[in-house]
PDB file of N, CA and C in Angstrom:
ATOM      1  N   MET A   1     163.030 126.921 106.494  1.00  0.00           N
ATOM      2  CA  MET A   1     164.434 126.799 106.809  1.00  0.00           C
ATOM      3  C   MET A   1     165.090 128.170 106.899  1.00  0.00           C
ATOM      4  N   ALA A   2     164.544 129.097 106.176  1.00  0.00           N
ATOM      5  CA  ALA A   2     165.112 130.440 106.194  1.00  0.00           C
ATOM      6  C   ALA A   2     165.062 131.048 107.590  1.00  0.00           C
ATOM      7  N   ALA A   3     164.126 130.612 108.417  1.00  0.00           N
ATOM      8  CA  ALA A   3     164.002 131.152 109.766  1.00  0.00           C
ATOM      9  C   ALA A   3     165.117 130.670 110.694  1.00  0.00           C
ATOM     10  N   VAL A   4     165.796 129.577 110.354  1.00  0.00           N
ATOM     11  CA  VAL A   4     166.794 129.020 111.259  1.00  0.00           C
ATOM     12  C   VAL A   4     168.217 129.034 110.715  1.00  0.00           C
ATOM     13  N   LEU A   5     168.401 129.236 109.419  1.00  0.00           N
ATOM     14  CA  LEU A   5     169.749 129.255 108.857  1.00  0.00           C
ATOM     15  C   LEU A   5     170.433 130.590 109.108  1.00  0.00           C
ATOM     16  N   VAL A   6     171.708 130.517 109.431  1.00  0.00           N
ATOM     17  CA  VAL A   6     172.526 131.721 109.534  1.00  0.00           C
ATOM     18  C   VAL A   6     173.623 131.622 108.476  1.00  0.00           C
ATOM     19  N   ARG A   7     174.281 132.702 108.239  1.00  0.00           N
ATOM     20  CA  ARG A   7     175.271 132.759 107.163  1.00  0.00           C
ATOM     21  C   ARG A   7     176.329 131.656 107.284  1.00  0.00           C
ATOM     22  N   GLY A   8     176.776 131.349 108.483  1.00  0.00           N
ATOM     23  CA  GLY A   8     177.801 130.326 108.689  1.00  0.00           C
ATOM     24  C   GLY A   8     177.338 128.917 108.357  1.00  0.00           C
ATOM     25  N   ASP A   9     176.038 128.690 108.290  1.00  0.00           N
ATOM     26  CA  ASP A   9     175.493 127.365 107.990  1.00  0.00           C
ATOM     27  C   ASP A   9     175.433 127.059 106.496  1.00  0.00           C
ATOM     28  N   VAL A  10     175.524 128.054 105.662  1.00  0.00           N
ATOM     29  CA  VAL A  10     175.254 127.901 104.240  1.00  0.00           C
ATOM     30  C   VAL A  10     176.169 126.890 103.571  1.00  0.00           C
ATOM     31  N   VAL A  11     177.469 126.924 103.835  1.00  0.00           N
ATOM     32  CA  VAL A  11     178.414 126.024 103.174  1.00  0.00           C
ATOM     33  C   VAL A  11     178.123 124.580 103.565  1.00  0.00           C
ATOM     34  N   SER A  12     177.988 124.300 104.854  1.00  0.00           N
ATOM     35  CA  SER A  12     177.726 122.920 105.272  1.00  0.00           C
ATOM     36  C   SER A  12     176.343 122.456 104.825  1.00  0.00           C
ATOM     37  N   PHE A  13     175.379 123.359 104.802  1.00  0.00           N
ATOM     38  CA  PHE A  13     174.036 123.017 104.334  1.00  0.00           C
ATOM     39  C   PHE A  13     174.062 122.666 102.839  1.00  0.00           C
ATOM     40  N   ARG A  14     174.790 123.434 102.070  1.00  0.00           N
ATOM     41  CA  ARG A  14     174.912 123.172 100.628  1.00  0.00           C
ATOM     42  C   ARG A  14     175.581 121.814 100.378  1.00  0.00           C
ATOM     43  N   ARG A  15     176.609 121.489 101.160  1.00  0.00           N
ATOM     44  CA  ARG A  15     177.262 120.179 101.031  1.00  0.00           C
ATOM     45  C   ARG A  15     176.287 119.052 101.348  1.00  0.00           C
ATOM     46  N   MET A  16     175.545 119.232 102.426  1.00  0.00           N
ATOM     47  CA  MET A  16     174.588 118.209 102.837  1.00  0.00           C
ATOM     48  C   MET A  16     173.543 117.973 101.748  1.00  0.00           C
ATOM     49  N   LEU A  17     173.069 119.025 101.132  1.00  0.00           N
ATOM     50  CA  LEU A  17     172.082 118.887 100.059  1.00  0.00           C
ATOM     51  C   LEU A  17     172.661 118.150  98.861  1.00  0.00           C
ATOM     52  N   GLY A  18     173.935 118.337  98.586  1.00  0.00           N
ATOM     53  CA  GLY A  18     174.568 117.717  97.427  1.00  0.00           C
ATOM     54  C   GLY A  18     174.945 116.257  97.621  1.00  0.00           C
ATOM     55  N   TRP A  19     174.993 115.775  98.863  1.00  0.00           N
ATOM     56  CA  TRP A  19     175.418 114.407  99.134  1.00  0.00           C
ATOM     57  C   TRP A  19     174.356 113.357  98.843  1.00  0.00           C
ATOM     58  N   VAL A  20     173.147 113.760  98.581  1.00  0.00           N
ATOM     59  CA  VAL A  20     172.078 112.773  98.375  1.00  0.00           C
ATOM     60  C   VAL A  20     171.487 112.907  96.983  1.00  0.00           C
ATOM     61  N   ARG A  21     170.876 111.828  96.504  1.00  0.00           N
ATOM     62  CA  ARG A  21     170.297 111.841  95.162  1.00  0.00           C
ATOM     63  C   ARG A  21     168.830 112.216  95.175  1.00  0.00           C
ATOM     64  N   GLU A  22     168.170 112.046  96.336  1.00  0.00           N
ATOM     65  CA  GLU A  22     166.730 112.261  96.402  1.00  0.00           C
ATOM     66  C   GLU A  22     166.334 112.708  97.812  1.00  0.00           C
ATOM     67  N   TRP A  23     165.434 113.681  97.888  1.00  0.00           N
ATOM     68  CA  TRP A  23     164.957 114.181  99.180  1.00  0.00           C
ATOM     69  C   TRP A  23     163.481 113.880  99.335  1.00  0.00           C
ATOM     70  N   ARG A  24     163.073 113.581 100.544  1.00  0.00           N
ATOM     71  CA  ARG A  24     161.669 113.350 100.890  1.00  0.00           C
ATOM     72  C   ARG A  24     161.317 114.226 102.081  1.00  0.00           C
ATOM     73  N   TYR A  25     160.109 114.731 102.071  1.00  0.00           N
ATOM     74  CA  TYR A  25     159.617 115.583 103.160  1.00  0.00           C
ATOM     75  C   TYR A  25     158.599 114.813 103.985  1.00  0.00           C
ATOM     76  N   GLU A  26     158.697 114.952 105.279  1.00  0.00           N
ATOM     77  CA  GLU A  26     157.753 114.315 106.174  1.00  0.00           C
ATOM     78  C   GLU A  26     157.451 115.258 107.344  1.00  0.00           C
ATOM     79  N   MET A  27     156.243 115.167 107.852  1.00  0.00           N
ATOM     80  CA  MET A  27     155.833 116.052 108.945  1.00  0.00           C
ATOM     81  C   MET A  27     154.880 115.314 109.861  1.00  0.00           C
ATOM     82  N   GLY A  28     154.990 115.587 111.155  1.00  0.00           N
ATOM     83  CA  GLY A  28     154.096 114.968 112.120  1.00  0.00           C
ATOM     84  C   GLY A  28     153.902 115.872 113.320  1.00  0.00           C
ATOM     85  N   ALA A  29     152.842 115.606 114.066  1.00  0.00           N
ATOM     86  CA  ALA A  29     152.540 116.384 115.269  1.00  0.00           C
ATOM     87  C   ALA A  29     152.025 115.437 116.338  1.00  0.00           C
ATOM     88  N   GLY A  30     152.324 115.763 117.584  1.00  0.00           N
ATOM     89  CA  GLY A  30     151.877 114.928 118.685  1.00  0.00           C
ATOM     90  C   GLY A  30     151.468 115.761 119.888  1.00  0.00           C
ATOM     91  N   ARG A  31     150.561 115.201 120.657  1.00  0.00           N
ATOM     92  CA  ARG A  31     150.070 115.847 121.880  1.00  0.00           C
ATOM     93  C   ARG A  31     150.218 114.896 123.060  1.00  0.00           C
ATOM     94  N   GLU A  32     150.024 115.422 124.217  1.00  0.00           N
ATOM     95  CA  GLU A  32     149.952 114.694 125.477  1.00  0.00           C
ATOM     96  C   GLU A  32     151.259 114.011 125.839  1.00  0.00           C
ATOM     97  N   LYS A  33     151.181 112.895 126.560  1.00  0.00           N
ATOM     98  CA  LYS A  33     152.347 112.298 127.192  1.00  0.00           C
ATOM     99  C   LYS A  33     153.450 111.870 126.215  1.00  0.00           C
ATOM    100  N   HIS A  34     153.119 111.179 125.169  1.00  0.00           N
ATOM    101  CA  HIS A  34     154.117 110.656 124.230  1.00  0.00           C
ATOM    102  C   HIS A  34     154.167 111.488 122.952  1.00  0.00           C
ATOM    103  N   ARG A  35     154.080 112.789 123.086  1.00  0.00           N
ATOM    104  CA  ARG A  35     153.968 113.695 121.933  1.00  0.00           C
ATOM    105  C   ARG A  35     155.166 113.634 120.994  1.00  0.00           C
ATOM    106  N   CYS A  36     156.372 113.463 121.514  1.00  0.00           N
ATOM    107  CA  CYS A  36     157.561 113.411 120.642  1.00  0.00           C
ATOM    108  C   CYS A  36     157.564 112.126 119.824  1.00  0.00           C
ATOM    109  N   PHE A  37     157.283 111.010 120.468  1.00  0.00           N
ATOM    110  CA  PHE A  37     157.218 109.722 119.770  1.00  0.00           C
ATOM    111  C   PHE A  37     156.145 109.771 118.689  1.00  0.00           C
ATOM    112  N   VAL A  38     154.956 110.273 119.033  1.00  0.00           N
ATOM    113  CA  VAL A  38     153.835 110.335 118.088  1.00  0.00           C
ATOM    114  C   VAL A  38     154.169 111.234 116.903  1.00  0.00           C
ATOM    115  N   ALA A  39     154.807 112.371 117.155  1.00  0.00           N
ATOM    116  CA  ALA A  39     155.152 113.308 116.078  1.00  0.00           C
ATOM    117  C   ALA A  39     156.120 112.676 115.087  1.00  0.00           C
ATOM    118  N   VAL A  40     157.156 111.997 115.578  1.00  0.00           N
ATOM    119  CA  VAL A  40     158.123 111.355 114.686  1.00  0.00           C
ATOM    120  C   VAL A  40     157.474 110.168 113.982  1.00  0.00           C
ATOM    121  N   GLU A  41     156.677 109.395 114.697  1.00  0.00           N
ATOM    122  CA  GLU A  41     155.971 108.259 114.092  1.00  0.00           C
ATOM    123  C   GLU A  41     155.076 108.726 112.949  1.00  0.00           C
ATOM    124  N   GLU A  42     154.349 109.812 113.167  1.00  0.00           N
ATOM    125  CA  GLU A  42     153.469 110.363 112.129  1.00  0.00           C
ATOM    126  C   GLU A  42     154.275 110.873 110.935  1.00  0.00           C
ATOM    127  N   ALA A  43     155.423 111.481 111.211  1.00  0.00           N
ATOM    128  CA  ALA A  43     156.269 111.973 110.122  1.00  0.00           C
ATOM    129  C   ALA A  43     156.752 110.817 109.250  1.00  0.00           C
ATOM    130  N   TYR A  44     157.214 109.746 109.874  1.00  0.00           N
ATOM    131  CA  TYR A  44     157.698 108.599 109.107  1.00  0.00           C
ATOM    132  C   TYR A  44     156.575 107.850 108.395  1.00  0.00           C
ATOM    133  N   ALA A  45     155.350 108.039 108.828  1.00  0.00           N
ATOM    134  CA  ALA A  45     154.201 107.407 108.165  1.00  0.00           C
ATOM    135  C   ALA A  45     153.633 108.290 107.056  1.00  0.00           C
ATOM    136  N   SER A  46     154.253 109.424 106.809  1.00  0.00           N
ATOM    137  CA  SER A  46     153.797 110.367 105.795  1.00  0.00           C
ATOM    138  C   SER A  46     153.718 109.709 104.416  1.00  0.00           C
ATOM    139  N   PRO A  47     152.687 110.020 103.634  1.00  0.00           N
ATOM    140  CA  PRO A  47     152.581 109.450 102.285  1.00  0.00           C
ATOM    141  C   PRO A  47     153.688 109.933 101.342  1.00  0.00           C
ATOM    142  N   TRP A  48     154.362 111.019 101.679  1.00  0.00           N
ATOM    143  CA  TRP A  48     155.451 111.529 100.848  1.00  0.00           C
ATOM    144  C   TRP A  48     156.744 110.767 101.085  1.00  0.00           C
ATOM    145  N   PHE A  49     156.789 110.003 102.166  1.00  0.00           N
ATOM    146  CA  PHE A  49     157.993 109.254 102.510  1.00  0.00           C
ATOM    147  C   PHE A  49     157.810 107.816 102.067  1.00  0.00           C
ATOM    148  N   THR A  50     158.321 107.488 100.888  1.00  0.00           N
ATOM    149  CA  THR A  50     158.084 106.170 100.298  1.00  0.00           C
ATOM    150  C   THR A  50     159.262 105.219 100.457  1.00  0.00           C
ATOM    151  N   SER A  51     160.373 105.667 100.937  1.00  0.00           N
ATOM    152  CA  SER A  51     161.558 104.827 101.074  1.00  0.00           C
ATOM    153  C   SER A  51     161.577 104.134 102.437  1.00  0.00           C
ATOM    154  N   LEU A  52     162.485 103.196 102.577  1.00  0.00           N
ATOM    155  CA  LEU A  52     162.689 102.561 103.874  1.00  0.00           C
ATOM    156  C   LEU A  52     163.423 103.536 104.797  1.00  0.00           C
ATOM    157  N   PRO A  53     163.021 103.641 106.054  1.00  0.00           N
ATOM    158  CA  PRO A  53     163.693 104.565 106.976  1.00  0.00           C
ATOM    159  C   PRO A  53     165.189 104.288 107.120  1.00  0.00           C
ATOM    160  N   GLU A  54     165.589 103.025 106.971  1.00  0.00           N
ATOM    161  CA  GLU A  54     167.000 102.668 107.104  1.00  0.00           C
ATOM    162  C   GLU A  54     167.849 103.233 105.972  1.00  0.00           C
ATOM    163  N   GLU A  55     167.232 103.614 104.866  1.00  0.00           N
ATOM    164  CA  GLU A  55     167.961 104.140 103.709  1.00  0.00           C
ATOM    165  C   GLU A  55     168.319 105.619 103.838  1.00  0.00           C
ATOM    166  N   VAL A  56     167.782 106.293 104.828  1.00  0.00           N
ATOM    167  CA  VAL A  56     168.034 107.727 104.997  1.00  0.00           C
ATOM    168  C   VAL A  56     169.488 107.935 105.430  1.00  0.00           C
ATOM    169  N   SER A  57     170.232 108.721 104.645  1.00  0.00           N
ATOM    170  CA  SER A  57     171.631 108.987 104.974  1.00  0.00           C
ATOM    171  C   SER A  57     171.831 110.385 105.556  1.00  0.00           C
ATOM    172  N   GLN A  58     170.992 111.315 105.179  1.00  0.00           N
ATOM    173  CA  GLN A  58     171.054 112.690 105.680  1.00  0.00           C
ATOM    174  C   GLN A  58     169.651 113.112 106.098  1.00  0.00           C
ATOM    175  N   ALA A  59     169.542 113.832 107.191  1.00  0.00           N
ATOM    176  CA  ALA A  59     168.231 114.315 107.620  1.00  0.00           C
ATOM    177  C   ALA A  59     168.368 115.730 108.170  1.00  0.00           C
ATOM    178  N   ILE A  60     167.397 116.536 107.831  1.00  0.00           N
ATOM    179  CA  ILE A  60     167.306 117.880 108.380  1.00  0.00           C
ATOM    180  C   ILE A  60     166.014 117.901 109.177  1.00  0.00           C
ATOM    181  N   GLY A  61     166.131 118.100 110.477  1.00  0.00           N
ATOM    182  CA  GLY A  61     164.967 118.090 111.346  1.00  0.00           C
ATOM    183  C   GLY A  61     164.668 119.473 111.878  1.00  0.00           C
ATOM    184  N   LEU A  62     163.435 119.882 111.700  1.00  0.00           N
ATOM    185  CA  LEU A  62     162.952 121.144 112.249  1.00  0.00           C
ATOM    186  C   LEU A  62     161.847 120.796 113.229  1.00  0.00           C
ATOM    187  N   MET A  63     161.929 121.344 114.436  1.00  0.00           N
ATOM    188  CA  MET A  63     160.949 120.975 115.446  1.00  0.00           C
ATOM    189  C   MET A  63     160.479 122.168 116.252  1.00  0.00           C
ATOM    190  N   ALA A  64     159.179 122.174 116.501  1.00  0.00           N
ATOM    191  CA  ALA A  64     158.574 123.168 117.386  1.00  0.00           C
ATOM    192  C   ALA A  64     158.173 122.404 118.643  1.00  0.00           C
ATOM    193  N   VAL A  65     158.871 122.651 119.738  1.00  0.00           N
ATOM    194  CA  VAL A  65     158.683 121.881 120.963  1.00  0.00           C
ATOM    195  C   VAL A  65     158.132 122.746 122.082  1.00  0.00           C
ATOM    196  N   ARG A  66     157.555 122.085 123.072  1.00  0.00           N
ATOM    197  CA  ARG A  66     157.045 122.797 124.246  1.00  0.00           C
ATOM    198  C   ARG A  66     158.137 123.011 125.274  1.00  0.00           C
ATOM    199  N   GLU A  67     158.987 122.006 125.454  1.00  0.00           N
ATOM    200  CA  GLU A  67     160.057 122.064 126.451  1.00  0.00           C
ATOM    201  C   GLU A  67     161.394 121.884 125.743  1.00  0.00           C
ATOM    202  N   THR A  68     162.189 122.936 125.683  1.00  0.00           N
ATOM    203  CA  THR A  68     163.481 122.828 125.008  1.00  0.00           C
ATOM    204  C   THR A  68     164.393 121.904 125.798  1.00  0.00           C
ATOM    205  N   GLY A  69     165.283 121.258 125.102  1.00  0.00           N
ATOM    206  CA  GLY A  69     166.233 120.338 125.731  1.00  0.00           C
ATOM    207  C   GLY A  69     165.743 118.910 125.700  1.00  0.00           C
ATOM    208  N   SER A  70     164.886 118.545 126.621  1.00  0.00           N
ATOM    209  CA  SER A  70     164.459 117.144 126.737  1.00  0.00           C
ATOM    210  C   SER A  70     163.646 116.683 125.536  1.00  0.00           C
ATOM    211  N   GLU A  71     162.729 117.496 125.042  1.00  0.00           N
ATOM    212  CA  GLU A  71     161.922 117.094 123.889  1.00  0.00           C
ATOM    213  C   GLU A  71     162.762 117.044 122.615  1.00  0.00           C
ATOM    214  N   GLU A  72     163.687 117.954 122.475  1.00  0.00           N
ATOM    215  CA  GLU A  72     164.583 117.923 121.314  1.00  0.00           C
ATOM    216  C   GLU A  72     165.399 116.629 121.314  1.00  0.00           C
ATOM    217  N   GLU A  73     165.946 116.270 122.462  1.00  0.00           N
ATOM    218  CA  GLU A  73     166.726 115.037 122.574  1.00  0.00           C
ATOM    219  C   GLU A  73     165.872 113.811 122.265  1.00  0.00           C
ATOM    220  N   GLU A  74     164.648 113.794 122.742  1.00  0.00           N
ATOM    221  CA  GLU A  74     163.765 112.655 122.494  1.00  0.00           C
ATOM    222  C   GLU A  74     163.434 112.525 121.007  1.00  0.00           C
ATOM    223  N   ILE A  75     163.187 113.647 120.349  1.00  0.00           N
ATOM    224  CA  ILE A  75     162.890 113.623 118.914  1.00  0.00           C
ATOM    225  C   ILE A  75     164.091 113.115 118.127  1.00  0.00           C
ATOM    226  N   LEU A  76     165.279 113.618 118.431  1.00  0.00           N
ATOM    227  CA  LEU A  76     166.489 113.171 117.746  1.00  0.00           C
ATOM    228  C   LEU A  76     166.738 111.684 117.994  1.00  0.00           C
ATOM    229  N   HIS A  77     166.475 111.216 119.208  1.00  0.00           N
ATOM    230  CA  HIS A  77     166.607 109.791 119.517  1.00  0.00           C
ATOM    231  C   HIS A  77     165.652 108.959 118.664  1.00  0.00           C
ATOM    232  N   GLU A  78     164.417 109.405 118.522  1.00  0.00           N
ATOM    233  CA  GLU A  78     163.424 108.675 117.733  1.00  0.00           C
ATOM    234  C   GLU A  78     163.802 108.637 116.250  1.00  0.00           C
ATOM    235  N   ILE A  79     164.357 109.732 115.737  1.00  0.00           N
ATOM    236  CA  ILE A  79     164.806 109.752 114.339  1.00  0.00           C
ATOM    237  C   ILE A  79     165.962 108.774 114.149  1.00  0.00           C
ATOM    238  N   ARG A  80     166.934 108.813 115.073  1.00  0.00           N
ATOM    239  CA  ARG A  80     168.089 107.908 114.971  1.00  0.00           C
ATOM    240  C   ARG A  80     167.686 106.446 115.135  1.00  0.00           C
ATOM    241  N   ARG A  81     166.673 106.192 115.937  1.00  0.00           N
ATOM    242  CA  ARG A  81     166.200 104.822 116.132  1.00  0.00           C
ATOM    243  C   ARG A  81     165.635 104.261 114.825  1.00  0.00           C
ATOM    244  N   ARG A  82     164.937 105.093 114.079  1.00  0.00           N
ATOM    245  CA  ARG A  82     164.341 104.645 112.815  1.00  0.00           C
ATOM    246  C   ARG A  82     165.335 104.654 111.662  1.00  0.00           C
ATOM    247  N   SER A  83     166.241 105.617 111.678  1.00  0.00           N
ATOM    248  CA  SER A  83     167.241 105.765 110.603  1.00  0.00           C
ATOM    249  C   SER A  83     168.626 105.821 111.241  1.00  0.00           C
ATOM    250  N   PRO A  84     169.158 104.664 111.649  1.00  0.00           N
ATOM    251  CA  PRO A  84     170.408 104.652 112.421  1.00  0.00           C
ATOM    252  C   PRO A  84     171.651 105.144 111.678  1.00  0.00           C
ATOM    253  N   LYS A  85     171.641 105.136 110.351  1.00  0.00           N
ATOM    254  CA  LYS A  85     172.822 105.538 109.575  1.00  0.00           C
ATOM    255  C   LYS A  85     172.792 107.004 109.169  1.00  0.00           C
ATOM    256  N   THR A  86     171.816 107.741 109.650  1.00  0.00           N
ATOM    257  CA  THR A  86     171.642 109.112 109.199  1.00  0.00           C
ATOM    258  C   THR A  86     172.525 110.105 109.941  1.00  0.00           C
ATOM    259  N   SER A  87     172.907 111.125 109.233  1.00  0.00           N
ATOM    260  CA  SER A  87     173.574 112.285 109.806  1.00  0.00           C
ATOM    261  C   SER A  87     172.505 113.366 109.906  1.00  0.00           C
ATOM    262  N   ILE A  88     172.298 113.904 111.102  1.00  0.00           N
ATOM    263  CA  ILE A  88     171.170 114.824 111.323  1.00  0.00           C
ATOM    264  C   ILE A  88     171.649 116.240 111.598  1.00  0.00           C
ATOM    265  N   ALA A  89     171.087 117.174 110.869  1.00  0.00           N
ATOM    266  CA  ALA A  89     171.210 118.604 111.169  1.00  0.00           C
ATOM    267  C   ALA A  89     169.832 119.014 111.675  1.00  0.00           C
ATOM    268  N   TRP A  90     169.766 119.797 112.733  1.00  0.00           N
ATOM    269  CA  TRP A  90     168.452 120.119 113.289  1.00  0.00           C
ATOM    270  C   TRP A  90     168.420 121.523 113.878  1.00  0.00           C
ATOM    271  N   SER A  91     167.211 121.992 114.050  1.00  0.00           N
ATOM    272  CA  SER A  91     166.993 123.289 114.676  1.00  0.00           C
ATOM    273  C   SER A  91     165.579 123.336 115.236  1.00  0.00           C
ATOM    274  N   THR A  92     165.379 124.231 116.166  1.00  0.00           N
ATOM    275  CA  THR A  92     164.033 124.428 116.701  1.00  0.00           C
ATOM    276  C   THR A  92     163.395 125.626 116.015  1.00  0.00           C
ATOM    277  N   LEU A  93     162.096 125.540 115.873  1.00  0.00           N
ATOM    278  CA  LEU A  93     161.297 126.613 115.287  1.00  0.00           C
ATOM    279  C   LEU A  93     160.429 127.220 116.372  1.00  0.00           C
ATOM    280  N   PRO A  94     159.996 128.450 116.197  1.00  0.00           N
ATOM    281  CA  PRO A  94     159.065 129.018 117.173  1.00  0.00           C
ATOM    282  C   PRO A  94     157.748 128.241 117.150  1.00  0.00           C
ATOM    283  N   ARG A  95     157.225 127.968 118.317  1.00  0.00           N
ATOM    284  CA  ARG A  95     155.957 127.243 118.425  1.00  0.00           C
ATOM    285  C   ARG A  95     154.808 128.228 118.257  1.00  0.00           C
ATOM    286  N   PRO A  96     153.808 127.848 117.462  1.00  0.00           N
ATOM    287  CA  PRO A  96     152.652 128.738 117.293  1.00  0.00           C
ATOM    288  C   PRO A  96     151.981 129.025 118.636  1.00  0.00           C
ATOM    289  N   GLN A  97     151.599 130.240 118.847  1.00  0.00           N
ATOM    290  CA  GLN A  97     150.968 130.672 120.097  1.00  0.00           C
ATOM    291  C   GLN A  97     149.699 129.872 120.371  1.00  0.00           C
ATOM    292  N   GLY A  98     149.570 129.335 121.566  1.00  0.00           N
ATOM    293  CA  GLY A  98     148.372 128.609 121.955  1.00  0.00           C
ATOM    294  C   GLY A  98     148.308 127.176 121.466  1.00  0.00           C
ATOM    295  N   ASP A  99     149.327 126.719 120.773  1.00  0.00           N
ATOM    296  CA  ASP A  99     149.348 125.351 120.237  1.00  0.00           C
ATOM    297  C   ASP A  99     150.106 124.464 121.224  1.00  0.00           C
ATOM    298  N   ASP A 100     149.477 123.386 121.678  1.00  0.00           N
ATOM    299  CA  ASP A 100     150.120 122.518 122.666  1.00  0.00           C
ATOM    300  C   ASP A 100     150.792 121.307 122.029  1.00  0.00           C
ATOM    301  N   ARG A 101     150.890 121.275 120.714  1.00  0.00           N
ATOM    302  CA  ARG A 101     151.491 120.136 120.023  1.00  0.00           C
ATOM    303  C   ARG A 101     153.002 120.294 119.881  1.00  0.00           C
ATOM    304  N   VAL A 102     153.665 119.165 119.718  1.00  0.00           N
ATOM    305  CA  VAL A 102     155.048 119.127 119.256  1.00  0.00           C
ATOM    306  C   VAL A 102     154.959 118.862 117.765  1.00  0.00           C
ATOM    307  N   ILE A 103     155.618 119.681 116.965  1.00  0.00           N
ATOM    308  CA  ILE A 103     155.571 119.538 115.513  1.00  0.00           C
ATOM    309  C   ILE A 103     156.973 119.221 115.006  1.00  0.00           C
ATOM    310  N   VAL A 104     157.063 118.181 114.190  1.00  0.00           N
ATOM    311  CA  VAL A 104     158.341 117.746 113.636  1.00  0.00           C
ATOM    312  C   VAL A 104     158.254 117.748 112.125  1.00  0.00           C
ATOM    313  N   GLN A 105     159.225 118.387 111.480  1.00  0.00           N
ATOM    314  CA  GLN A 105     159.353 118.354 110.022  1.00  0.00           C
ATOM    315  C   GLN A 105     160.717 117.753 109.715  1.00  0.00           C
ATOM    316  N   ILE A 106     160.737 116.765 108.838  1.00  0.00           N
ATOM    317  CA  ILE A 106     161.992 116.104 108.491  1.00  0.00           C
ATOM    318  C   ILE A 106     162.161 116.114 106.987  1.00  0.00           C
ATOM    319  N   LEU A 107     163.292 116.604 106.555  1.00  0.00           N
ATOM    320  CA  LEU A 107     163.688 116.516 105.162  1.00  0.00           C
ATOM    321  C   LEU A 107     164.717 115.395 105.118  1.00  0.00           C
ATOM    322  N   ALA A 108     164.318 114.256 104.537  1.00  0.00           N
ATOM    323  CA  ALA A 108     165.153 113.055 104.568  1.00  0.00           C
ATOM    324  C   ALA A 108     165.813 112.823 103.224  1.00  0.00           C
ATOM    325  N   GLY A 109     167.137 112.672 103.244  1.00  0.00           N
ATOM    326  CA  GLY A 109     167.905 112.424 102.031  1.00  0.00           C
ATOM    327  C   GLY A 109     168.247 110.959 101.882  1.00  0.00           C
ATOM    328  N   ILE A 110     168.012 110.450 100.681  1.00  0.00           N
ATOM    329  CA  ILE A 110     168.233 109.034 100.401  1.00  0.00           C
ATOM    330  C   ILE A 110     169.311 108.889  99.348  1.00  0.00           C
TER     331      ILE A 110
END
């Protein structure tokens, strides 16, 4: 998170962290045609994510995408589809050189 936070984000980020009682981490990666769907699906299937997706009230999404814009929108859509009541803060991360995957990391607050 340190790679994407700027000084102006600190106050709102601190508030977001304080609004929830419990945080869960999830991560997924996807390749080929449905890479965004697969990455979010894998993240929600993470063994660290034991709650119901509908219970997520706050989410912080970090994503390393191949195509900025469309893939980011698709990932956010997939998160909202699974957790419709969530408020999402998100950012893109640099994609590892030579890696053709979409990588999604979600810090979900319950």
